[in-house]
Structures are given as structure tokens and as C-alpha cells.
């Protein structure tokens, strides 16, 4: 018999709704990295919730464990960051990561 390992501890969600995780990004130089719509619901924050809230947009990013930004492009000046930089736990679930300070998990 074989067994598969079960992840322990918090994870970066590989996909939320129909959106796949792209990577961890910094904020843009003079604006939000993803800036068409902002959603805040601290008690429910999770990538799965905001995939629904950002339906109709091409991208969304979760940041600071409790903020979500929807948009269609990643703004100029936003750069790729190491995935380990996006290590803040989501307010709505303690087993998933939701970006960090000036870092977005982008889907």
C-alpha cells in the first residue's frame, strides 16, 4: 500500500474558484498592484471567498491577511517576490496564506 502525505500547517492555496495562484508580488511603485476594486471583509478573508467577489476581473490579489484587490492587469512597478514573502495568515482561516505587508498573493 502507499499513502500520500497530508500537508500540515498553513498553505498557499494553489487555486481559488476558477483562478490559479500566479505568485507573490510586491505592490506597484505609485499605486496598488491590482487596483480596480478593493474588498474588505476581515472575518471571512480567504482566497476562495474573494475569487467569488472578484468574478468578472482577470486578477485578484490578497494582502495583509485581510484585504483583497480585483483588477484586469498587474500595474507597472509591481515585481515578483519570493513566495515566502507572502506568509501572513488569512483573517478568515488560519490554515491559508493571504499575502503580507506590501505583498500580494496574486490569482
N, C-alpha and C. Protein backbone atom coordinates (compact mmCIF):
# COMPACT_ATOMS: atom_id res chain seq x y z
N UNK A 1 0.84 -1.18 0.00
CA UNK A 1 0.00 0.00 0.00
C UNK A 1 0.89 1.24 0.00
N UNK A 2 0.31 2.31 -0.45
CA UNK A 2 1.03 3.57 -0.41
C UNK A 2 0.13 4.62 0.20
N UNK A 3 0.74 5.59 0.78
CA UNK A 3 -0.04 6.68 1.35
C UNK A 3 0.52 7.99 0.84
N UNK A 4 -0.37 8.95 0.70
CA UNK A 4 0.10 10.26 0.27
C UNK A 4 0.21 11.16 1.49
N UNK A 5 1.18 12.02 1.45
CA UNK A 5 1.40 12.93 2.57
C UNK A 5 0.30 13.97 2.62
N UNK A 6 -0.14 14.28 3.81
CA UNK A 6 -1.12 15.33 4.02
C UNK A 6 -0.36 16.56 4.49
N UNK A 7 -0.58 17.71 3.79
CA UNK A 7 0.14 18.91 4.23
C UNK A 7 -0.24 19.30 5.64
N UNK A 8 0.73 19.76 6.39
CA UNK A 8 0.46 20.26 7.73
C UNK A 8 0.82 21.73 7.76
N UNK A 9 0.14 22.46 8.59
CA UNK A 9 0.41 23.88 8.69
C UNK A 9 -0.24 24.67 7.57
N UNK A 10 -0.05 25.98 7.57
CA UNK A 10 -0.67 26.83 6.56
C UNK A 10 -0.13 26.56 5.15
N UNK A 11 -0.97 26.83 4.15
CA UNK A 11 -0.57 26.63 2.75
C UNK A 11 -0.90 27.87 1.93
N UNK A 12 -0.24 27.99 0.81
CA UNK A 12 -0.66 28.93 -0.23
C UNK A 12 -1.66 28.16 -1.08
N UNK A 13 -2.86 28.66 -1.18
CA UNK A 13 -3.91 27.97 -1.92
C UNK A 13 -3.52 27.93 -3.41
N UNK A 14 -3.42 26.74 -4.01
CA UNK A 14 -2.98 26.66 -5.41
C UNK A 14 -4.01 27.18 -6.41
N UNK A 15 -5.28 27.14 -6.03
CA UNK A 15 -6.32 27.70 -6.89
C UNK A 15 -7.51 28.07 -6.02
N UNK A 16 -8.23 29.10 -6.49
CA UNK A 16 -9.42 29.58 -5.77
C UNK A 16 -10.48 29.84 -6.82
N UNK A 17 -11.58 29.13 -6.74
CA UNK A 17 -12.59 29.22 -7.80
C UNK A 17 -11.97 28.77 -9.11
N UNK A 18 -12.10 29.59 -10.13
CA UNK A 18 -11.51 29.26 -11.43
C UNK A 18 -10.13 29.89 -11.62
N UNK A 19 -9.59 30.51 -10.57
CA UNK A 19 -8.32 31.23 -10.65
C UNK A 19 -7.18 30.41 -10.06
N UNK A 20 -6.09 30.34 -10.77
CA UNK A 20 -4.89 29.67 -10.27
C UNK A 20 -3.96 30.70 -9.63
N UNK A 21 -3.27 30.29 -8.58
CA UNK A 21 -2.27 31.15 -7.94
C UNK A 21 -1.16 31.40 -8.94
N UNK A 22 -0.78 32.67 -9.11
CA UNK A 22 0.30 33.04 -10.03
C UNK A 22 1.61 33.09 -9.27
N UNK A 23 1.67 33.94 -8.25
CA UNK A 23 2.86 34.05 -7.40
C UNK A 23 2.64 35.16 -6.39
N UNK A 24 3.68 35.44 -5.65
CA UNK A 24 3.71 36.55 -4.71
C UNK A 24 4.31 37.76 -5.42
N UNK A 25 3.67 38.92 -5.27
CA UNK A 25 4.13 40.15 -5.93
C UNK A 25 4.19 41.29 -4.92
N UNK A 26 5.04 42.26 -5.22
CA UNK A 26 5.10 43.49 -4.43
C UNK A 26 3.99 44.42 -4.90
N UNK A 27 3.70 45.43 -4.09
CA UNK A 27 2.83 46.50 -4.56
C UNK A 27 3.56 47.24 -5.68
N UNK A 28 2.80 47.96 -6.50
CA UNK A 28 3.39 48.75 -7.58
C UNK A 28 4.06 49.99 -6.99
N UNK A 29 4.82 50.69 -7.80
CA UNK A 29 5.59 51.84 -7.32
C UNK A 29 4.73 52.96 -6.76
N UNK A 30 3.72 53.41 -7.50
CA UNK A 30 2.92 54.55 -7.07
C UNK A 30 1.43 54.24 -6.97
N UNK A 31 1.06 52.98 -7.03
CA UNK A 31 -0.34 52.59 -6.98
C UNK A 31 -0.43 51.15 -6.50
N UNK A 32 -1.63 50.67 -6.27
CA UNK A 32 -1.83 49.26 -5.93
C UNK A 32 -1.43 48.39 -7.12
N UNK A 33 -0.93 47.21 -6.85
CA UNK A 33 -0.54 46.28 -7.91
C UNK A 33 -1.76 45.86 -8.72
N UNK A 34 -2.88 45.65 -8.05
CA UNK A 34 -4.15 45.29 -8.68
C UNK A 34 -5.14 46.33 -8.16
N UNK A 35 -5.68 47.19 -9.04
CA UNK A 35 -6.32 48.37 -8.47
C UNK A 35 -7.70 48.77 -8.97
N UNK A 36 -8.49 47.89 -9.52
CA UNK A 36 -9.82 48.30 -9.98
C UNK A 36 -10.86 48.30 -8.88
N UNK A 37 -10.78 47.38 -7.93
CA UNK A 37 -11.79 47.24 -6.88
C UNK A 37 -11.12 46.71 -5.62
N UNK A 38 -11.49 47.26 -4.48
CA UNK A 38 -10.98 46.78 -3.19
C UNK A 38 -12.13 46.22 -2.38
N UNK A 39 -11.90 45.09 -1.72
CA UNK A 39 -12.92 44.45 -0.89
C UNK A 39 -12.29 44.14 0.47
N UNK A 40 -13.00 44.49 1.53
CA UNK A 40 -12.52 44.18 2.88
C UNK A 40 -13.63 43.47 3.64
N UNK A 41 -13.38 42.30 4.10
CA UNK A 41 -14.31 41.58 4.97
C UNK A 41 -13.44 40.74 5.89
N UNK A 42 -13.00 41.36 6.96
CA UNK A 42 -11.97 40.76 7.80
C UNK A 42 -12.34 39.39 8.36
N UNK A 43 -13.58 39.16 8.67
CA UNK A 43 -13.97 37.89 9.28
C UNK A 43 -14.00 36.74 8.29
N UNK A 44 -14.15 37.04 7.01
CA UNK A 44 -14.29 35.97 6.02
C UNK A 44 -13.09 35.85 5.08
N UNK A 45 -12.05 36.61 5.31
CA UNK A 45 -10.94 36.67 4.36
C UNK A 45 -10.36 35.30 4.04
N UNK A 46 -10.42 34.95 2.76
CA UNK A 46 -9.77 33.77 2.24
C UNK A 46 -9.76 33.89 0.72
N UNK A 47 -8.80 33.29 0.05
CA UNK A 47 -8.78 33.35 -1.41
C UNK A 47 -10.06 32.81 -2.05
N UNK A 48 -10.64 31.77 -1.47
CA UNK A 48 -11.85 31.19 -2.04
C UNK A 48 -13.02 32.18 -2.02
N UNK A 49 -13.15 32.92 -0.94
CA UNK A 49 -14.22 33.92 -0.83
C UNK A 49 -14.02 35.03 -1.87
N UNK A 50 -12.81 35.49 -2.03
CA UNK A 50 -12.57 36.62 -2.92
C UNK A 50 -12.49 36.24 -4.39
N UNK A 51 -12.31 34.97 -4.69
CA UNK A 51 -12.43 34.54 -6.08
C UNK A 51 -13.85 34.82 -6.56
N UNK A 52 -14.82 34.62 -5.68
CA UNK A 52 -16.22 34.91 -6.00
C UNK A 52 -16.44 36.42 -6.06
N UNK A 53 -15.91 37.16 -5.08
CA UNK A 53 -16.08 38.60 -5.04
C UNK A 53 -15.45 39.33 -6.21
N UNK A 54 -14.42 38.73 -6.80
CA UNK A 54 -13.72 39.37 -7.93
C UNK A 54 -14.12 38.75 -9.27
N UNK A 55 -15.21 38.00 -9.29
CA UNK A 55 -15.68 37.43 -10.56
C UNK A 55 -15.87 38.56 -11.57
N UNK A 56 -15.46 38.32 -12.79
CA UNK A 56 -15.55 39.34 -13.82
C UNK A 56 -14.24 40.08 -14.04
N UNK A 57 -13.29 39.93 -13.13
CA UNK A 57 -11.96 40.51 -13.28
C UNK A 57 -10.98 39.40 -13.66
N UNK A 58 -9.89 39.77 -14.29
CA UNK A 58 -8.89 38.79 -14.69
C UNK A 58 -7.98 38.37 -13.54
N UNK A 59 -7.77 39.26 -12.56
CA UNK A 59 -6.85 39.01 -11.46
C UNK A 59 -7.46 39.42 -10.13
N UNK A 60 -6.97 38.81 -9.07
CA UNK A 60 -7.20 39.36 -7.73
C UNK A 60 -5.99 39.05 -6.88
N UNK A 61 -5.77 39.91 -5.91
CA UNK A 61 -4.65 39.71 -5.00
C UNK A 61 -5.11 39.87 -3.57
N UNK A 62 -4.61 39.03 -2.69
CA UNK A 62 -4.93 39.13 -1.26
C UNK A 62 -3.67 39.61 -0.53
N UNK A 63 -3.88 40.54 0.42
CA UNK A 63 -2.77 41.23 1.06
C UNK A 63 -3.07 41.48 2.53
N UNK A 64 -2.03 41.57 3.34
CA UNK A 64 -2.15 41.88 4.78
C UNK A 64 -3.07 40.92 5.53
N UNK A 65 -3.33 39.75 4.97
CA UNK A 65 -4.17 38.78 5.66
C UNK A 65 -5.65 39.11 5.67
N UNK A 66 -6.02 40.31 5.10
CA UNK A 66 -7.42 40.71 5.23
C UNK A 66 -7.93 41.65 4.15
N UNK A 67 -7.13 41.91 3.12
CA UNK A 67 -7.55 42.81 2.06
C UNK A 67 -7.53 42.08 0.72
N UNK A 68 -8.42 42.48 -0.17
CA UNK A 68 -8.49 41.88 -1.49
C UNK A 68 -8.63 42.98 -2.53
N UNK A 69 -7.89 42.85 -3.61
CA UNK A 69 -7.93 43.81 -4.71
C UNK A 69 -8.18 43.07 -6.01
N UNK A 70 -9.14 43.57 -6.79
CA UNK A 70 -9.51 42.96 -8.06
C UNK A 70 -9.07 43.87 -9.20
N UNK A 71 -8.72 43.31 -10.33
CA UNK A 71 -8.36 44.11 -11.49
C UNK A 71 -8.10 43.24 -12.70
N UNK A 72 -7.76 43.90 -13.80
CA UNK A 72 -7.51 43.18 -15.05
C UNK A 72 -6.05 43.15 -15.45
N UNK A 73 -5.22 43.97 -14.81
CA UNK A 73 -3.79 43.97 -15.13
C UNK A 73 -2.99 44.13 -13.84
N UNK A 74 -1.78 43.64 -13.87
CA UNK A 74 -0.83 43.88 -12.79
C UNK A 74 -0.12 45.18 -13.13
N UNK A 75 -0.23 46.16 -12.26
CA UNK A 75 0.27 47.51 -12.55
C UNK A 75 1.79 47.56 -12.65
N UNK A 76 2.26 48.49 -13.46
CA UNK A 76 3.68 48.72 -13.66
C UNK A 76 4.36 49.02 -12.32
N UNK A 77 5.50 48.44 -12.11
CA UNK A 77 6.23 48.65 -10.87
C UNK A 77 6.03 47.54 -9.86
N UNK A 78 5.01 46.71 -10.06
CA UNK A 78 4.82 45.54 -9.21
C UNK A 78 5.81 44.48 -9.68
N UNK A 79 6.55 43.89 -8.75
CA UNK A 79 7.56 42.91 -9.14
C UNK A 79 7.35 41.59 -8.42
N UNK A 80 7.86 40.57 -9.03
CA UNK A 80 7.80 39.23 -8.46
C UNK A 80 8.57 39.21 -7.14
N UNK A 81 7.98 38.60 -6.13
CA UNK A 81 8.64 38.46 -4.83
C UNK A 81 8.75 36.97 -4.51
N UNK A 82 9.66 36.60 -3.63
CA UNK A 82 9.74 35.19 -3.24
C UNK A 82 8.42 34.74 -2.61
N UNK A 83 7.95 33.55 -2.94
CA UNK A 83 6.70 33.07 -2.34
C UNK A 83 6.72 33.13 -0.81
N UNK A 84 7.88 32.98 -0.21
CA UNK A 84 7.98 33.03 1.26
C UNK A 84 7.65 34.42 1.81
N UNK A 85 7.69 35.46 0.97
CA UNK A 85 7.31 36.81 1.41
C UNK A 85 5.81 36.92 1.69
N UNK A 86 5.01 36.08 1.07
CA UNK A 86 3.56 36.09 1.27
C UNK A 86 3.21 35.08 2.35
N UNK A 87 3.45 35.46 3.60
CA UNK A 87 3.36 34.49 4.70
C UNK A 87 2.42 34.91 5.83
N UNK A 88 1.54 35.86 5.56
CA UNK A 88 0.59 36.29 6.59
C UNK A 88 -0.67 35.42 6.49
N UNK A 89 -1.14 34.95 7.64
CA UNK A 89 -2.33 34.11 7.64
C UNK A 89 -3.57 34.92 7.32
N UNK A 90 -4.51 34.30 6.63
CA UNK A 90 -5.79 34.93 6.31
C UNK A 90 -6.59 35.13 7.59
N UNK A 91 -7.28 36.26 7.70
CA UNK A 91 -8.13 36.50 8.87
C UNK A 91 -9.27 35.49 8.97
N UNK A 92 -9.75 35.02 7.82
CA UNK A 92 -10.91 34.12 7.83
C UNK A 92 -10.57 32.66 8.00
N UNK A 93 -9.30 32.30 7.89
CA UNK A 93 -8.90 30.91 8.06
C UNK A 93 -7.44 30.88 8.48
N UNK A 94 -7.13 30.10 9.47
CA UNK A 94 -5.77 30.08 10.00
C UNK A 94 -4.86 29.08 9.29
N UNK A 95 -5.36 28.43 8.24
CA UNK A 95 -4.53 27.44 7.56
C UNK A 95 -4.18 27.84 6.12
N UNK A 96 -4.43 29.12 5.76
CA UNK A 96 -4.11 29.60 4.42
C UNK A 96 -3.39 30.95 4.52
N UNK A 97 -2.49 31.18 3.55
CA UNK A 97 -1.78 32.45 3.49
C UNK A 97 -2.53 33.45 2.62
N UNK A 98 -2.46 34.72 3.02
CA UNK A 98 -3.10 35.82 2.29
C UNK A 98 -2.13 37.00 2.19
N UNK A 99 -1.04 36.81 1.44
CA UNK A 99 -0.09 37.89 1.23
C UNK A 99 0.67 38.25 2.49
N UNK A 100 1.01 39.54 2.60
CA UNK A 100 1.71 40.09 3.77
C UNK A 100 1.75 41.60 3.59
N UNK A 101 2.55 42.29 4.38
CA UNK A 101 2.70 43.73 4.23
C UNK A 101 3.32 44.08 2.89
N UNK A 102 2.59 44.81 2.07
CA UNK A 102 3.05 45.19 0.72
C UNK A 102 3.39 44.00 -0.16
N UNK A 103 2.77 42.88 0.13
CA UNK A 103 2.94 41.67 -0.68
C UNK A 103 1.57 41.05 -0.94
N UNK A 104 1.34 40.68 -2.19
CA UNK A 104 0.05 40.09 -2.57
C UNK A 104 0.24 38.69 -3.12
N UNK A 105 -0.59 37.76 -2.66
CA UNK A 105 -0.73 36.50 -3.34
C UNK A 105 -1.68 36.79 -4.50
N UNK A 106 -1.18 36.67 -5.73
CA UNK A 106 -1.98 37.04 -6.90
C UNK A 106 -2.51 35.77 -7.57
N UNK A 107 -3.80 35.83 -7.88
CA UNK A 107 -4.51 34.73 -8.56
C UNK A 107 -5.05 35.23 -9.89
